[in-house]
Amino acid sequence: MARITPSAEELSLPSVQSQEVNGSQAATSSLQSACHRKRVCMVAYTEYECDNRVRRYAEALVKRGDSVDIIAVSASAASLPEEEICGVRVFRIQRRNKDERNKWSYAWRLARFLIKSSIVLTRLQTRNRYELVHIHNMPDFLVFAAWYPKLRGAKLILDIHDLTPELFVSKFGTKPTSFYVRVLTAVERISARFVDHVIVSNHLWLETLLARSVSREKCSVFINHVDSAIFYPRKRNRADGKFVILFHGSFQWHQGLSIAIEAFAEVKKQMPQAELHFYGGGDKSITLELEGLSQRLGLDESVRFNGSVPLDAIAQIIANADLGVVPKRADSFGNEAYSTKIMEFMSQGVPVVVSRTKVDTFYFSEDTVHFFTSGDTRALSTAILDVAKDEKLRSKLIAHGLEYAERNGWDGKKKEYLDLVDFFVPPSPQRVESM
């Protein structure tokens, strides 16, 4: 495929905006916002308060005066069924089950969410008359929850966070040529045709989708940019003499967390003060496997599993870390899955050790992160020790990382999303005339 590469002169990300927004529409975006308070609903099988991608979109719209509701899942029984967070109304319609190793029970939970979100969205549409519904996968078929808003004239956007067929292969160990994968690919194609626009979360996946499911003029790329409203530079408030290595995110096989624990066992021999901290979660069985591995390696006191925390709290946790680690497996889904956490580490002045995957070498260079050979525990332990002991290397990674995060933050990119919304939901002529 044709490879899009960053400019050699700057650290800015490559930009692909296949859906053209003409100059006059972009120039009048602020006028449209003032004259027309857009009514938007988002649907996502996610815990809203922990999902930075969904929150970025929603809060950007609310801050300029639009009305945004989101249908999502709850993290615990203590979560409120309805709550307002930073101006966004959140409707939690289902509890998320962390046991996702069985594909049939997982599929049933997704199907239940589709049915429930369809009922709730239909009811809300009658009351709120949404003009745009922004649906986030997984799964792709969640777009059909918006059948009634579409019938009433609302525009639909499908936001592909992950490629479903590829994630299914990685998650359940299925062959890429299996019947299930062919069905999921067909669902992806049908879902893309059902909506007005498709957002893709990285440029490599754009090429994959163009080859099998959607036309170029119907696509945009928005990677997971850092939101400076949350990830602004924070002061370190830890001074305990420890060297904290941090991973935050989902606990899935493709993330390579067992590789990180095995590598840490070697690091610990040379750095007794080192600790490996995990924040996040996912499948319960994977968490239990990781905890068991830590115990077998005698790392009970040094490897800590801290559970999930709200997005607003993770920035300070990162700021207190000494090193970030992203140990994804290059022989799996992780090879092309963009790592949001890399730029989050950069935003807090924390150097990052990163697995050499296709997607991360596409977006980052040796000047911004310290790469190691994916799947190689010895290479990872060596890379960690390199950064920990080489002050010059640390300083270089911190300085270039801060610059990269600043240049590629959400503040500089959100206008593209707002312009896209304005393209599909232009101001009402009657409202403009009355202003």
Protein backbone atom coordinates (compact mmCIF):
# COMPACT_ATOMS: atom_id res chain seq x y z
CA MET A 1 0.00 0.00 0.00
CA ALA A 2 1.04 3.62 -0.43
CA ARG A 3 2.69 4.66 2.81
CA ILE A 4 2.06 8.08 4.31
CA THR A 5 5.06 9.25 6.29
CA PRO A 6 5.62 12.26 8.58
CA SER A 7 7.53 15.21 7.24
CA ALA A 8 11.26 15.06 7.83
CA GLU A 9 11.25 18.72 8.81
CA GLU A 10 8.80 18.50 11.67
CA LEU A 11 7.26 16.17 14.21
CA SER A 12 3.68 16.80 13.08
CA LEU A 13 1.56 13.79 12.28
CA PRO A 14 0.68 13.03 8.65
CA SER A 15 -2.77 14.34 7.84
CA VAL A 16 -5.42 12.64 5.76
CA GLN A 17 -8.77 14.41 5.57
CA SER A 18 -10.53 12.59 2.76
CA GLN A 19 -13.89 14.25 3.42
CA GLU A 20 -13.30 17.73 2.00
CA VAL A 21 -14.80 20.61 3.94
CA ASN A 22 -14.80 23.65 1.66
CA GLY A 23 -13.20 26.89 2.73
CA SER A 24 -16.37 28.91 3.12
CA GLN A 25 -17.92 26.32 5.44
CA ALA A 26 -14.78 26.09 7.56
CA ALA A 27 -14.54 29.89 7.78
CA THR A 28 -18.12 30.21 9.03
CA SER A 29 -17.84 27.42 11.64
CA SER A 30 -18.00 29.84 14.57
CA LEU A 31 -21.01 31.64 13.05
CA GLN A 32 -22.81 28.34 12.65
CA SER A 33 -22.13 27.44 16.26
CA ALA A 34 -23.51 30.76 17.46
CA CYS A 35 -26.64 30.50 15.33
CA HIS A 36 -27.38 26.82 15.70
CA ARG A 37 -26.96 24.81 18.88
CA LYS A 38 -26.53 21.38 17.37
CA ARG A 39 -28.15 18.37 18.99
CA VAL A 40 -25.80 15.39 19.01
CA CYS A 41 -26.01 11.92 20.50
CA MET A 42 -23.13 9.46 20.82
CA VAL A 43 -23.41 5.72 21.33
CA ALA A 44 -20.46 3.74 22.68
CA TYR A 45 -19.97 0.41 24.42
CA THR A 46 -17.52 2.02 26.78
CA GLU A 47 -17.21 3.62 30.21
CA TYR A 48 -17.50 7.26 29.21
CA GLU A 49 -15.52 8.73 32.09
CA CYS A 50 -12.49 6.58 31.19
CA ASP A 51 -12.58 6.90 27.40
CA ASN A 52 -10.52 9.87 26.28
CA ARG A 53 -11.43 9.56 22.60
CA VAL A 54 -15.17 9.74 23.18
CA ARG A 55 -14.82 12.45 25.84
CA ARG A 56 -12.69 14.64 23.57
CA TYR A 57 -15.36 14.76 20.88
CA ALA A 58 -18.25 15.28 23.30
CA GLU A 59 -16.63 17.98 25.40
CA ALA A 60 -15.35 19.86 22.34
CA LEU A 61 -18.94 20.13 21.08
CA VAL A 62 -20.32 21.13 24.48
CA LYS A 63 -17.67 23.80 25.00
CA ARG A 64 -18.71 25.57 21.82
CA GLY A 65 -22.37 25.46 22.83
CA ASP A 66 -23.78 22.26 21.32
CA SER A 67 -25.97 19.78 23.19
CA VAL A 68 -24.48 16.30 23.60
CA ASP A 69 -25.94 13.12 25.09
CA ILE A 70 -24.12 9.80 25.24
CA ILE A 71 -25.44 6.27 25.65
CA ALA A 72 -22.75 4.15 27.31
CA VAL A 73 -22.08 1.39 29.86
CA SER A 74 -21.33 1.55 33.57
CA ALA A 75 -18.19 0.39 35.31
CA SER A 76 -19.91 -0.72 38.50
CA ALA A 77 -23.25 -1.07 40.22
CA ALA A 78 -22.52 2.20 42.03
CA SER A 79 -22.56 4.20 38.78
CA LEU A 80 -25.57 6.46 38.29
CA PRO A 81 -27.91 5.49 35.43
CA GLU A 82 -27.97 9.12 34.32
CA GLU A 83 -25.37 11.78 35.08
CA GLU A 84 -24.00 15.03 33.70
CA ILE A 85 -20.21 15.17 33.27
CA CYS A 86 -18.67 18.46 32.09
CA GLY A 87 -21.92 19.42 30.38
CA VAL A 88 -22.42 16.04 28.67
CA ARG A 89 -25.47 13.98 29.68
CA VAL A 90 -24.46 10.34 30.13
CA PHE A 91 -27.05 7.54 30.02
CA ARG A 92 -25.63 4.26 31.34
CA ILE A 93 -27.86 1.45 30.13
CA GLN A 94 -25.84 -1.69 30.86
CA ARG A 95 -23.14 -2.95 33.20
CA ARG A 96 -19.93 -3.94 31.43
CA ASN A 97 -18.76 -7.48 32.21
CA LYS A 98 -14.98 -7.84 32.29
CA ASP A 99 -14.99 -11.55 31.39
CA GLU A 100 -14.61 -11.37 27.62
CA ARG A 101 -12.73 -14.55 26.77
CA ASN A 102 -15.81 -16.44 25.57
CA LYS A 103 -16.83 -15.12 22.19
CA TRP A 104 -20.47 -16.16 22.52
CA SER A 105 -21.07 -14.47 25.87
CA TYR A 106 -19.20 -11.42 24.59
CA ALA A 107 -21.33 -11.33 21.43
CA TRP A 108 -24.50 -11.65 23.54
CA ARG A 109 -23.52 -8.65 25.68
CA LEU A 110 -22.86 -6.59 22.56
CA ALA A 111 -26.19 -7.67 21.08
CA ARG A 112 -27.98 -6.71 24.30
CA PHE A 113 -26.34 -3.31 24.21
CA LEU A 114 -27.45 -2.86 20.58
CA ILE A 115 -31.06 -3.64 21.50
CA LYS A 116 -31.06 -1.47 24.62
CA SER A 117 -29.31 1.46 22.94
CA SER A 118 -31.75 1.27 20.02
CA ILE A 119 -34.71 1.52 22.40
CA VAL A 120 -33.18 4.35 24.44
CA LEU A 121 -31.99 6.25 21.36
CA THR A 122 -35.42 6.00 19.75
CA ARG A 123 -37.02 7.42 22.89
CA LEU A 124 -34.46 10.21 23.17
CA GLN A 125 -34.74 11.03 19.46
CA THR A 126 -38.46 11.62 19.84
CA ARG A 127 -37.77 14.10 22.63
CA ASN A 128 -34.53 15.74 21.51
CA ARG A 129 -34.61 15.49 17.71
CA TYR A 130 -30.91 14.75 17.28
CA GLU A 131 -29.35 16.07 14.08
CA LEU A 132 -26.22 13.92 14.32
CA VAL A 133 -25.55 10.52 15.89
CA HIS A 134 -21.87 9.62 16.35
CA ILE A 135 -21.49 5.87 16.90
CA HIS A 136 -18.25 4.40 18.25
CA ASN A 137 -17.25 0.81 17.55
CA MET A 138 -16.80 -1.89 18.94
CA PRO A 139 -18.99 -3.32 17.48
CA ASP A 140 -19.54 -1.96 13.98
CA PHE A 141 -23.19 -3.09 13.93
CA LEU A 142 -23.94 -0.62 16.70
CA VAL A 143 -24.75 1.84 13.89
CA PHE A 144 -28.11 0.10 13.48
CA ALA A 145 -29.17 1.37 16.91
CA ALA A 146 -29.58 4.71 15.11
CA TRP A 147 -32.14 3.45 12.60
CA TYR A 148 -34.85 5.79 13.90
CA PRO A 149 -32.74 8.98 13.99
CA LYS A 150 -31.60 8.13 10.44
CA LEU A 151 -35.24 7.74 9.41
CA ARG A 152 -35.96 11.17 10.93
CA GLY A 153 -33.15 12.80 8.95
CA ALA A 154 -30.23 12.67 11.38
CA LYS A 155 -26.75 12.21 9.93
CA LEU A 156 -24.69 9.26 11.15
CA ILE A 157 -20.95 8.94 11.77
CA LEU A 158 -19.26 5.61 12.47
CA ASP A 159 -16.04 6.03 14.45
CA ILE A 160 -13.83 2.96 14.02
CA HIS A 161 -11.60 2.78 17.09
CA ASP A 162 -10.51 -0.78 16.26
CA LEU A 163 -10.83 -2.97 13.19
CA THR A 164 -13.30 -5.60 14.36
CA PRO A 165 -12.16 -8.57 12.20
CA GLU A 166 -8.51 -8.10 13.19
CA LEU A 167 -9.31 -7.66 16.87
CA PHE A 168 -11.50 -10.78 16.81
CA VAL A 169 -8.60 -12.81 15.40
CA SER A 170 -6.27 -11.56 18.13
CA LYS A 171 -8.77 -11.81 20.98
CA PHE A 172 -10.10 -15.30 20.28
CA GLY A 173 -7.24 -16.93 18.36
CA THR A 174 -9.30 -17.39 15.19
CA LYS A 175 -7.77 -17.80 11.74
CA PRO A 176 -8.04 -14.70 9.49
CA THR A 177 -9.79 -16.84 6.88
CA SER A 178 -12.42 -18.23 9.26
CA PHE A 179 -16.16 -17.97 8.71
CA TYR A 180 -16.52 -15.59 11.68
CA VAL A 181 -13.96 -13.18 10.27
CA ARG A 182 -15.67 -13.17 6.87
CA VAL A 183 -18.97 -12.37 8.56
CA LEU A 184 -17.42 -9.54 10.59
CA THR A 185 -15.84 -8.10 7.45
CA ALA A 186 -19.24 -8.15 5.74
CA VAL A 187 -20.81 -6.44 8.77
CA GLU A 188 -18.07 -3.80 8.64
CA ARG A 189 -18.86 -3.13 4.98
CA ILE A 190 -22.63 -2.95 5.52
CA SER A 191 -22.23 -0.72 8.58
CA ALA A 192 -20.01 1.69 6.65
CA ARG A 193 -22.62 1.93 3.89
CA PHE A 194 -25.38 2.63 6.42
CA VAL A 195 -23.73 5.81 7.74
CA ASP A 196 -22.90 9.15 6.15
CA HIS A 197 -19.26 9.23 7.19
CA VAL A 198 -16.57 6.97 8.66
CA ILE A 199 -13.81 8.12 11.02
CA VAL A 200 -10.77 5.85 11.28
CA SER A 201 -8.33 5.94 14.19
CA ASN A 202 -5.07 5.65 12.25
CA HIS A 203 -3.68 5.90 8.74
CA LEU A 204 -2.69 2.25 8.37
CA TRP A 205 -6.24 1.14 9.09
CA LEU A 206 -7.53 3.72 6.62
CA GLU A 207 -5.74 1.85 3.84
CA THR A 208 -7.19 -1.47 5.04
CA LEU A 209 -10.72 -0.09 5.09
CA LEU A 210 -10.35 1.54 1.68
CA ALA A 211 -9.33 -1.82 0.25
CA ARG A 212 -12.37 -3.70 1.53
CA SER A 213 -15.24 -1.62 2.95
CA VAL A 214 -15.49 2.09 2.19
CA SER A 215 -14.63 4.75 -0.37
CA ARG A 216 -11.95 7.36 0.26
CA GLU A 217 -14.27 10.35 -0.02
CA LYS A 218 -16.34 8.96 2.83
CA CYS A 219 -13.44 8.73 5.32
CA SER A 220 -11.46 10.87 7.73
CA VAL A 221 -8.60 9.97 10.04
CA PHE A 222 -8.52 11.16 13.64
CA ILE A 223 -5.90 9.49 15.79
CA ASN A 224 -6.12 9.64 19.59
CA HIS A 225 -4.69 13.10 20.15
CA VAL A 226 -3.88 14.24 23.68
CA ASP A 227 -6.43 16.60 25.20
CA SER A 228 -4.52 19.43 26.88
CA ALA A 229 -7.53 20.15 29.10
CA ILE A 230 -6.60 16.93 30.92
CA PHE A 231 -3.02 16.19 29.91
CA TYR A 232 -1.43 19.56 30.59
CA PRO A 233 2.07 19.43 32.16
CA ARG A 234 1.72 18.60 35.85
CA LYS A 235 4.18 18.83 38.71
CA ARG A 236 5.60 15.62 40.12
CA ASN A 237 4.56 15.17 43.77
CA ARG A 238 6.34 11.89 44.53
CA ALA A 239 9.76 11.75 46.21
CA ASP A 240 10.07 8.22 47.61
CA GLY A 241 13.32 7.18 45.89
CA LYS A 242 11.61 4.49 43.82
CA PHE A 243 11.89 4.11 40.05
CA VAL A 244 8.31 3.63 38.83
CA ILE A 245 7.67 2.03 35.45
CA LEU A 246 4.07 2.53 34.31
CA PHE A 247 1.57 0.95 31.95
CA HIS A 248 -2.01 2.21 31.76
CA GLY A 249 -4.72 0.92 29.48
CA SER A 250 -6.61 -2.24 28.58
CA PHE A 251 -5.36 -5.64 29.71
CA GLN A 252 -5.43 -7.65 26.51
CA TRP A 253 -3.08 -10.26 25.10
CA HIS A 254 -1.87 -8.07 22.23
CA GLN A 255 -0.68 -5.46 24.75
CA GLY A 256 2.21 -7.77 25.72
CA LEU A 257 1.89 -7.21 29.47
CA SER A 258 3.38 -10.62 30.33
CA ILE A 259 6.46 -9.59 28.32
CA ALA A 260 6.74 -6.45 30.46
CA ILE A 261 6.55 -8.47 33.70
CA GLU A 262 9.19 -10.97 32.54
CA ALA A 263 11.49 -8.14 31.43
CA PHE A 264 10.93 -6.36 34.73
CA ALA A 265 12.24 -9.41 36.59
CA GLU A 266 15.62 -8.75 34.92
CA VAL A 267 15.44 -5.02 35.56
CA LYS A 268 14.76 -5.63 39.24
CA LYS A 269 18.09 -7.46 39.61
CA GLN A 270 19.97 -4.28 38.68
CA MET A 271 17.52 -1.76 40.10
CA PRO A 272 16.14 -3.01 43.43
CA GLN A 273 14.23 0.25 43.87
CA ALA A 274 12.22 -0.30 40.67
CA GLU A 275 8.47 -0.98 40.65
CA LEU A 276 6.12 -1.84 37.79
CA HIS A 277 2.66 -0.27 38.12
CA PHE A 278 -0.38 -1.26 36.06
CA TYR A 279 -3.47 0.91 35.82
CA GLY A 280 -6.50 -0.24 33.87
CA GLY A 281 -8.18 -3.56 33.34
CA GLY A 282 -10.09 -5.73 30.97
CA ASP A 283 -10.66 -9.45 30.92
CA LYS A 284 -10.54 -10.81 34.49
CA SER A 285 -8.78 -14.00 33.44
CA ILE A 286 -5.92 -12.02 31.87
CA THR A 287 -5.51 -10.00 35.07
CA LEU A 288 -5.37 -13.22 37.09
CA GLU A 289 -2.77 -14.67 34.71
CA LEU A 290 -0.60 -11.56 35.07
CA GLU A 291 -0.91 -11.61 38.85
CA GLY A 292 0.04 -15.30 38.86
CA LEU A 293 3.08 -14.63 36.67
CA SER A 294 4.24 -11.89 39.04
CA GLN A 295 3.95 -14.24 42.00
CA ARG A 296 5.87 -17.03 40.26
CA LEU A 297 8.69 -14.60 39.49
CA GLY A 298 8.78 -13.40 43.10
CA LEU A 299 7.62 -9.89 42.19
CA ASP A 300 4.56 -9.66 44.45
CA GLU A 301 5.82 -6.54 46.24
CA SER A 302 7.17 -4.83 43.12
CA VAL A 303 4.41 -5.34 40.52
CA ARG A 304 1.23 -3.53 41.46
CA PHE A 305 -2.20 -3.81 39.86
CA ASN A 306 -4.14 -0.67 40.69
CA GLY A 307 -7.34 -1.12 38.69
CA SER A 308 -9.05 1.44 36.49
CA VAL A 309 -9.17 5.13 37.37
CA PRO A 310 -11.12 7.99 35.76
CA LEU A 311 -9.40 9.76 32.88
CA ASP A 312 -9.09 12.94 34.94
CA ALA A 313 -6.90 11.13 37.49
CA ILE A 314 -4.50 9.31 35.16
CA ALA A 315 -2.53 12.40 34.10
CA GLN A 316 -1.17 12.99 37.62
CA ILE A 317 -0.38 9.28 37.95
CA ILE A 318 1.64 9.49 34.72
CA ALA A 319 3.41 12.64 35.88
CA ASN A 320 4.65 10.75 38.95
CA ALA A 321 6.10 7.89 36.89
CA ASP A 322 9.75 7.67 35.87
CA LEU A 323 9.26 5.65 32.70
CA GLY A 324 6.37 4.59 30.48
CA VAL A 325 6.31 1.20 28.78
CA VAL A 326 4.28 0.10 25.73
CA PRO A 327 5.15 -3.59 25.15
CA LYS A 328 2.69 -4.51 22.35
CA ARG A 329 3.13 -7.68 20.33
CA ALA A 330 4.03 -6.98 16.70
CA ASP A 331 2.77 -10.41 15.62
CA SER A 332 -0.83 -9.59 16.52
CA PHE A 333 -3.52 -6.93 16.42
CA GLY A 334 -1.10 -4.67 18.31
CA ASN A 335 1.10 -4.28 15.23
CA GLU A 336 -1.30 -1.72 13.72
CA ALA A 337 -3.22 -0.53 16.81
CA TYR A 338 -2.19 3.03 17.67
CA SER A 339 -1.07 3.54 21.29
CA THR A 340 -2.72 6.64 22.77
CA LYS A 341 -0.70 6.22 25.94
CA ILE A 342 2.56 7.10 24.14
CA MET A 343 1.56 10.73 23.64
CA GLU A 344 0.02 10.85 27.11
CA PHE A 345 3.42 9.90 28.58
CA MET A 346 5.08 12.53 26.40
CA SER A 347 2.68 15.23 27.58
CA GLN A 348 3.85 14.71 31.17
CA GLY A 349 7.56 14.68 30.38
CA VAL A 350 7.88 10.92 30.92
CA PRO A 351 10.22 9.03 28.55
CA VAL A 352 8.70 5.98 26.84
CA VAL A 353 10.04 2.56 25.89
CA VAL A 354 8.00 1.25 22.95
CA SER A 355 7.75 -2.04 21.10
CA ARG A 356 8.85 -1.73 17.48
CA THR A 357 5.50 -2.20 15.76
CA LYS A 358 4.38 -1.12 12.31
CA VAL A 359 2.06 1.62 13.56
CA ASP A 360 4.40 3.07 16.18
CA THR A 361 7.39 3.25 13.82
CA PHE A 362 5.00 4.97 11.38
CA TYR A 363 4.19 7.77 13.84
CA PHE A 364 7.28 7.96 16.05
CA SER A 365 11.06 8.00 15.69
CA GLU A 366 14.06 7.13 17.86
CA ASP A 367 14.24 10.81 18.79
CA THR A 368 10.87 10.67 20.52
CA VAL A 369 10.67 7.12 21.95
CA HIS A 370 13.15 4.34 22.75
CA PHE A 371 12.26 1.28 20.67
CA PHE A 372 12.92 -2.37 21.46
CA THR A 373 12.32 -5.55 19.46
CA SER A 374 8.75 -6.67 20.01
CA GLY A 375 8.30 -9.87 22.01
CA ASP A 376 11.92 -9.94 23.20
CA THR A 377 12.01 -9.74 27.00
CA ARG A 378 15.78 -9.28 27.08
CA ALA A 379 15.55 -6.41 24.58
CA LEU A 380 12.85 -4.78 26.68
CA SER A 381 14.81 -5.08 29.93
CA THR A 382 17.87 -3.65 28.18
CA ALA A 383 15.85 -0.74 26.78
CA ILE A 384 14.42 0.06 30.23
CA LEU A 385 17.87 0.04 31.79
CA ASP A 386 19.24 2.18 28.93
CA VAL A 387 16.72 4.93 29.64
CA ALA A 388 16.94 4.57 33.42
CA LYS A 389 20.74 4.89 33.53
CA ASP A 390 21.50 7.25 30.62
CA GLU A 391 20.61 10.79 31.68
CA LYS A 392 21.44 12.21 28.25
CA LEU A 393 19.07 9.74 26.55
CA ARG A 394 16.34 10.51 29.09
CA SER A 395 16.68 14.25 28.57
CA LYS A 396 16.49 13.87 24.79
CA LEU A 397 13.37 11.71 24.93
CA ILE A 398 11.67 14.04 27.41
CA ALA A 399 12.40 17.21 25.40
CA HIS A 400 11.41 15.76 22.03
CA GLY A 401 8.38 14.03 23.52
CA LEU A 402 7.05 17.24 25.03
CA GLU A 403 7.47 19.02 21.70
CA TYR A 404 5.76 16.20 19.82
CA ALA A 405 2.79 16.12 22.20
CA GLU A 406 2.38 19.89 22.02
CA ARG A 407 2.43 19.93 18.23
CA ASN A 408 0.00 17.06 17.90
CA GLY A 409 -2.41 17.79 20.73
CA TRP A 410 -6.17 17.89 20.40
CA ASP A 411 -6.21 21.71 20.56
CA GLY A 412 -4.67 21.84 17.11
CA LYS A 413 -6.86 19.10 15.65
CA LYS A 414 -10.33 19.55 17.10
CA LYS A 415 -11.30 22.20 14.53
CA GLU A 416 -11.16 19.47 11.88
CA TYR A 417 -13.74 17.48 13.84
CA LEU A 418 -15.94 20.52 14.48
CA ASP A 419 -15.78 21.41 10.78
CA LEU A 420 -16.80 17.86 9.93
CA VAL A 421 -19.83 18.13 12.22
CA ASP A 422 -20.72 21.50 10.66
CA PHE A 423 -20.41 20.00 7.19
CA PHE A 424 -23.11 17.44 7.96
CA VAL A 425 -25.24 19.66 10.19
CA PRO A 426 -25.22 23.15 8.65
CA PRO A 427 -27.09 25.96 10.41
CA SER A 428 -30.84 26.17 10.01
CA PRO A 429 -31.64 29.05 7.58
CA GLN A 430 -34.59 30.09 9.74
CA ARG A 431 -32.38 30.35 12.84
CA VAL A 432 -29.66 32.29 11.03
CA GLU A 433 -32.22 34.81 9.72
CA SER A 434 -33.61 35.33 13.22
CA MET A 435 -30.21 36.07 14.74
